[in-house]
Amino acid sequence: MDTHAFLDVAVVPLDVNNYRVKYRPRVLTGTEAAGVLESINTASERFATKLNIENDRGIIQLSPPEKREVPTYRNGVGLPAEKNMP
């Protein structure tokens, strides 16, 4: 086993709207954090990625490196390749 492999990824929702935070990003909590994390979940559905939301953070559990499926991308735009495309 690769001892340098990631086991999970934590997502910390931030408010970076400079009009509100005056160039000092702020960690979101409560319903604000949940809203941001749910929107990330919705946007990530097409990549079959799901955040588990715990204590105002999103956690992505990664499978062991030997079991990971590496996605194939088309046109360099980060979209998974369709199975029927040449």
N, C-alpha and C. Protein backbone atom coordinates (compact mmCIF):
# COMPACT_ATOMS: atom_id res chain seq x y z
N MET A 1 0.85 -1.20 0.00
CA MET A 1 0.00 0.00 0.00
C MET A 1 0.88 1.25 0.00
N ASP A 2 0.45 2.24 -0.75
CA ASP A 2 1.16 3.51 -0.83
C ASP A 2 0.90 4.30 0.45
N THR A 3 1.93 4.52 1.24
CA THR A 3 1.75 5.23 2.51
C THR A 3 1.58 6.73 2.32
N HIS A 4 1.71 7.20 1.08
CA HIS A 4 1.56 8.63 0.80
C HIS A 4 0.24 8.95 0.11
N ALA A 5 -0.69 8.01 0.07
CA ALA A 5 -1.96 8.23 -0.61
C ALA A 5 -2.92 8.99 0.30
N PHE A 6 -3.78 9.82 -0.32
CA PHE A 6 -4.81 10.53 0.43
C PHE A 6 -5.92 9.55 0.79
N LEU A 7 -6.47 9.69 1.99
CA LEU A 7 -7.60 8.87 2.42
C LEU A 7 -8.92 9.62 2.30
N ASP A 8 -8.86 10.93 2.51
CA ASP A 8 -10.05 11.75 2.36
C ASP A 8 -9.65 13.19 2.07
N VAL A 9 -10.65 13.95 1.66
CA VAL A 9 -10.45 15.37 1.35
C VAL A 9 -11.49 16.14 2.13
N ALA A 10 -11.08 17.20 2.81
CA ALA A 10 -12.02 18.05 3.55
C ALA A 10 -12.26 19.34 2.75
N VAL A 11 -13.52 19.72 2.66
CA VAL A 11 -13.91 20.94 1.97
C VAL A 11 -14.43 21.92 3.02
N VAL A 12 -13.79 23.09 3.08
CA VAL A 12 -14.17 24.11 4.06
C VAL A 12 -14.85 25.24 3.28
N PRO A 13 -16.16 25.47 3.51
CA PRO A 13 -16.85 26.54 2.78
C PRO A 13 -16.45 27.91 3.30
N LEU A 14 -16.14 28.80 2.36
CA LEU A 14 -15.69 30.15 2.71
C LEU A 14 -16.58 31.20 2.06
N ASP A 15 -16.74 32.33 2.71
CA ASP A 15 -17.34 33.51 2.12
C ASP A 15 -16.17 34.35 1.61
N VAL A 16 -16.11 34.52 0.30
CA VAL A 16 -15.03 35.31 -0.29
C VAL A 16 -15.56 36.53 -1.03
N ASN A 17 -16.81 36.90 -0.76
CA ASN A 17 -17.38 38.10 -1.35
C ASN A 17 -16.75 39.31 -0.68
N ASN A 18 -15.86 39.97 -1.39
CA ASN A 18 -15.06 41.05 -0.79
C ASN A 18 -15.89 42.23 -0.31
N TYR A 19 -17.09 42.44 -0.86
CA TYR A 19 -17.95 43.51 -0.35
C TYR A 19 -18.41 43.21 1.07
N ARG A 20 -18.63 41.92 1.36
CA ARG A 20 -19.07 41.53 2.71
C ARG A 20 -17.90 41.33 3.67
N VAL A 21 -16.83 40.74 3.19
CA VAL A 21 -15.76 40.33 4.11
C VAL A 21 -14.54 41.26 4.08
N LYS A 22 -14.60 42.28 3.24
CA LYS A 22 -13.53 43.28 3.15
C LYS A 22 -12.14 42.63 3.01
N TYR A 23 -12.06 41.72 2.02
CA TYR A 23 -10.79 41.05 1.66
C TYR A 23 -10.24 40.16 2.77
N ARG A 24 -11.13 39.70 3.65
CA ARG A 24 -10.73 38.77 4.71
C ARG A 24 -11.70 37.59 4.68
N PRO A 25 -11.39 36.55 3.87
CA PRO A 25 -12.30 35.41 3.76
C PRO A 25 -12.74 34.89 5.13
N ARG A 26 -13.99 34.46 5.18
CA ARG A 26 -14.59 34.02 6.44
C ARG A 26 -15.12 32.60 6.26
N VAL A 27 -14.84 31.73 7.23
CA VAL A 27 -15.35 30.36 7.21
C VAL A 27 -16.85 30.40 7.49
N LEU A 28 -17.62 29.73 6.63
CA LEU A 28 -19.07 29.69 6.81
C LEU A 28 -19.46 28.59 7.79
N THR A 29 -20.56 28.82 8.51
CA THR A 29 -21.08 27.83 9.45
C THR A 29 -22.59 27.74 9.28
N GLY A 30 -23.17 26.74 9.91
CA GLY A 30 -24.63 26.60 9.95
C GLY A 30 -25.27 26.48 8.59
N THR A 31 -26.39 27.22 8.41
CA THR A 31 -27.15 27.10 7.16
C THR A 31 -26.38 27.66 5.97
N GLU A 32 -25.52 28.65 6.20
CA GLU A 32 -24.69 29.17 5.10
C GLU A 32 -23.75 28.09 4.59
N ALA A 33 -23.08 27.40 5.51
CA ALA A 33 -22.16 26.32 5.13
C ALA A 33 -22.92 25.21 4.44
N ALA A 34 -24.06 24.82 4.99
CA ALA A 34 -24.85 23.73 4.41
C ALA A 34 -25.28 24.07 2.98
N GLY A 35 -25.67 25.31 2.75
CA GLY A 35 -26.08 25.72 1.41
C GLY A 35 -24.96 25.60 0.39
N VAL A 36 -23.77 26.05 0.76
CA VAL A 36 -22.62 25.97 -0.14
C VAL A 36 -22.26 24.50 -0.40
N LEU A 37 -22.21 23.70 0.66
CA LEU A 37 -21.84 22.30 0.50
C LEU A 37 -22.88 21.52 -0.32
N GLU A 38 -24.15 21.84 -0.14
CA GLU A 38 -25.19 21.17 -0.94
C GLU A 38 -25.08 21.57 -2.41
N SER A 39 -24.72 22.83 -2.68
CA SER A 39 -24.55 23.23 -4.08
C SER A 39 -23.36 22.53 -4.71
N ILE A 40 -22.31 22.30 -3.93
CA ILE A 40 -21.17 21.53 -4.44
C ILE A 40 -21.59 20.10 -4.72
N ASN A 41 -22.40 19.52 -3.82
CA ASN A 41 -22.91 18.16 -4.05
C ASN A 41 -23.70 18.08 -5.35
N THR A 42 -24.56 19.05 -5.57
CA THR A 42 -25.37 19.06 -6.80
C THR A 42 -24.48 19.16 -8.03
N ALA A 43 -23.51 20.05 -8.00
CA ALA A 43 -22.61 20.23 -9.13
C ALA A 43 -21.71 19.02 -9.36
N SER A 44 -21.46 18.24 -8.32
CA SER A 44 -20.55 17.09 -8.41
C SER A 44 -21.24 15.79 -8.81
N GLU A 45 -22.57 15.80 -8.92
CA GLU A 45 -23.29 14.57 -9.25
C GLU A 45 -22.81 13.95 -10.55
N ARG A 46 -22.54 14.76 -11.56
CA ARG A 46 -22.13 14.21 -12.86
C ARG A 46 -20.78 13.52 -12.79
N PHE A 47 -20.02 13.76 -11.74
CA PHE A 47 -18.72 13.10 -11.57
C PHE A 47 -18.81 11.94 -10.57
N ALA A 48 -20.03 11.63 -10.13
CA ALA A 48 -20.27 10.55 -9.15
C ALA A 48 -19.46 10.79 -7.87
N THR A 49 -19.37 12.05 -7.48
CA THR A 49 -18.65 12.42 -6.26
C THR A 49 -19.66 12.99 -5.27
N LYS A 50 -19.57 12.55 -4.03
CA LYS A 50 -20.51 13.00 -3.00
C LYS A 50 -19.74 13.45 -1.77
N LEU A 51 -20.10 14.63 -1.28
CA LEU A 51 -19.56 15.12 -0.01
C LEU A 51 -20.43 14.59 1.11
N ASN A 52 -19.82 14.06 2.13
CA ASN A 52 -20.52 13.76 3.37
C ASN A 52 -20.37 15.00 4.23
N ILE A 53 -21.48 15.60 4.61
CA ILE A 53 -21.44 16.86 5.36
C ILE A 53 -21.44 16.55 6.85
N GLU A 54 -20.37 17.00 7.51
CA GLU A 54 -20.18 16.78 8.95
C GLU A 54 -19.60 18.03 9.58
N ASN A 55 -20.27 18.57 10.57
CA ASN A 55 -19.76 19.72 11.33
C ASN A 55 -19.33 20.87 10.42
N ASP A 56 -20.21 21.25 9.51
CA ASP A 56 -19.98 22.38 8.59
C ASP A 56 -18.82 22.17 7.64
N ARG A 57 -18.45 20.94 7.39
CA ARG A 57 -17.38 20.60 6.44
C ARG A 57 -17.90 19.52 5.50
N GLY A 58 -17.35 19.49 4.32
CA GLY A 58 -17.65 18.41 3.39
C GLY A 58 -16.47 17.46 3.37
N ILE A 59 -16.73 16.18 3.48
CA ILE A 59 -15.67 15.17 3.47
C ILE A 59 -15.88 14.25 2.28
N ILE A 60 -14.86 14.07 1.48
CA ILE A 60 -14.89 13.10 0.39
C ILE A 60 -14.01 11.94 0.81
N GLN A 61 -14.62 10.77 0.96
CA GLN A 61 -13.86 9.56 1.29
C GLN A 61 -13.31 8.99 -0.01
N LEU A 62 -12.02 8.84 -0.09
CA LEU A 62 -11.39 8.28 -1.28
C LEU A 62 -11.21 6.78 -1.13
N SER A 63 -11.37 6.09 -2.24
CA SER A 63 -11.12 4.65 -2.19
C SER A 63 -9.61 4.43 -2.21
N PRO A 64 -9.17 3.25 -1.78
CA PRO A 64 -7.73 2.97 -1.82
C PRO A 64 -7.21 3.12 -3.25
N PRO A 65 -5.97 3.57 -3.43
CA PRO A 65 -5.43 3.82 -4.77
C PRO A 65 -5.58 2.64 -5.72
N GLU A 66 -5.43 1.43 -5.21
CA GLU A 66 -5.51 0.27 -6.09
C GLU A 66 -6.93 0.00 -6.59
N LYS A 67 -7.94 0.63 -5.98
CA LYS A 67 -9.33 0.43 -6.39
C LYS A 67 -9.91 1.64 -7.11
N ARG A 68 -9.12 2.68 -7.31
CA ARG A 68 -9.64 3.90 -7.94
C ARG A 68 -9.77 3.71 -9.44
N GLU A 69 -10.87 4.26 -9.95
CA GLU A 69 -11.08 4.28 -11.39
C GLU A 69 -10.67 5.67 -11.87
N VAL A 70 -9.74 5.73 -12.80
CA VAL A 70 -9.26 7.01 -13.29
C VAL A 70 -10.18 7.45 -14.42
N PRO A 71 -10.84 8.63 -14.28
CA PRO A 71 -11.75 9.08 -15.33
C PRO A 71 -11.01 9.49 -16.59
N THR A 72 -11.67 9.32 -17.71
CA THR A 72 -11.13 9.75 -18.99
C THR A 72 -11.85 11.04 -19.36
N TYR A 73 -11.12 12.05 -19.79
CA TYR A 73 -11.73 13.33 -20.10
C TYR A 73 -11.65 13.62 -21.58
N ARG A 74 -12.63 14.38 -22.09
CA ARG A 74 -12.65 14.74 -23.50
C ARG A 74 -12.49 16.26 -23.64
N ASN A 75 -11.89 16.67 -24.69
CA ASN A 75 -11.76 18.09 -25.03
C ASN A 75 -11.06 18.92 -23.96
N GLY A 76 -10.42 18.29 -22.99
CA GLY A 76 -9.69 19.02 -21.98
C GLY A 76 -10.55 19.93 -21.12
N VAL A 77 -11.88 19.67 -21.06
CA VAL A 77 -12.75 20.55 -20.30
C VAL A 77 -13.26 19.90 -19.02
N GLY A 78 -12.71 18.76 -18.65
CA GLY A 78 -13.08 18.15 -17.40
C GLY A 78 -14.38 17.39 -17.40
N LEU A 79 -14.89 17.06 -18.59
CA LEU A 79 -16.12 16.28 -18.66
C LEU A 79 -15.76 14.82 -18.90
N PRO A 80 -16.36 13.89 -18.17
CA PRO A 80 -16.06 12.48 -18.40
C PRO A 80 -16.37 12.09 -19.84
N ALA A 81 -15.53 11.26 -20.41
CA ALA A 81 -15.74 10.82 -21.79
C ALA A 81 -16.96 9.93 -21.84
N GLU A 82 -17.72 10.06 -22.91
CA GLU A 82 -18.88 9.20 -23.10
C GLU A 82 -18.41 7.87 -23.65
N LYS A 83 -19.05 6.80 -23.21
CA LYS A 83 -18.61 5.47 -23.59
C LYS A 83 -18.74 5.21 -25.09
N ASN A 84 -19.71 5.85 -25.77
CA ASN A 84 -19.95 5.59 -27.19
C ASN A 84 -19.18 6.52 -28.11
N MET A 85 -18.35 7.37 -27.56
CA MET A 85 -17.59 8.30 -28.42
C MET A 85 -16.36 7.61 -28.96
N PRO A 86 -16.00 7.92 -30.23
CA PRO A 86 -14.77 7.32 -30.81
C PRO A 86 -13.51 7.84 -30.16
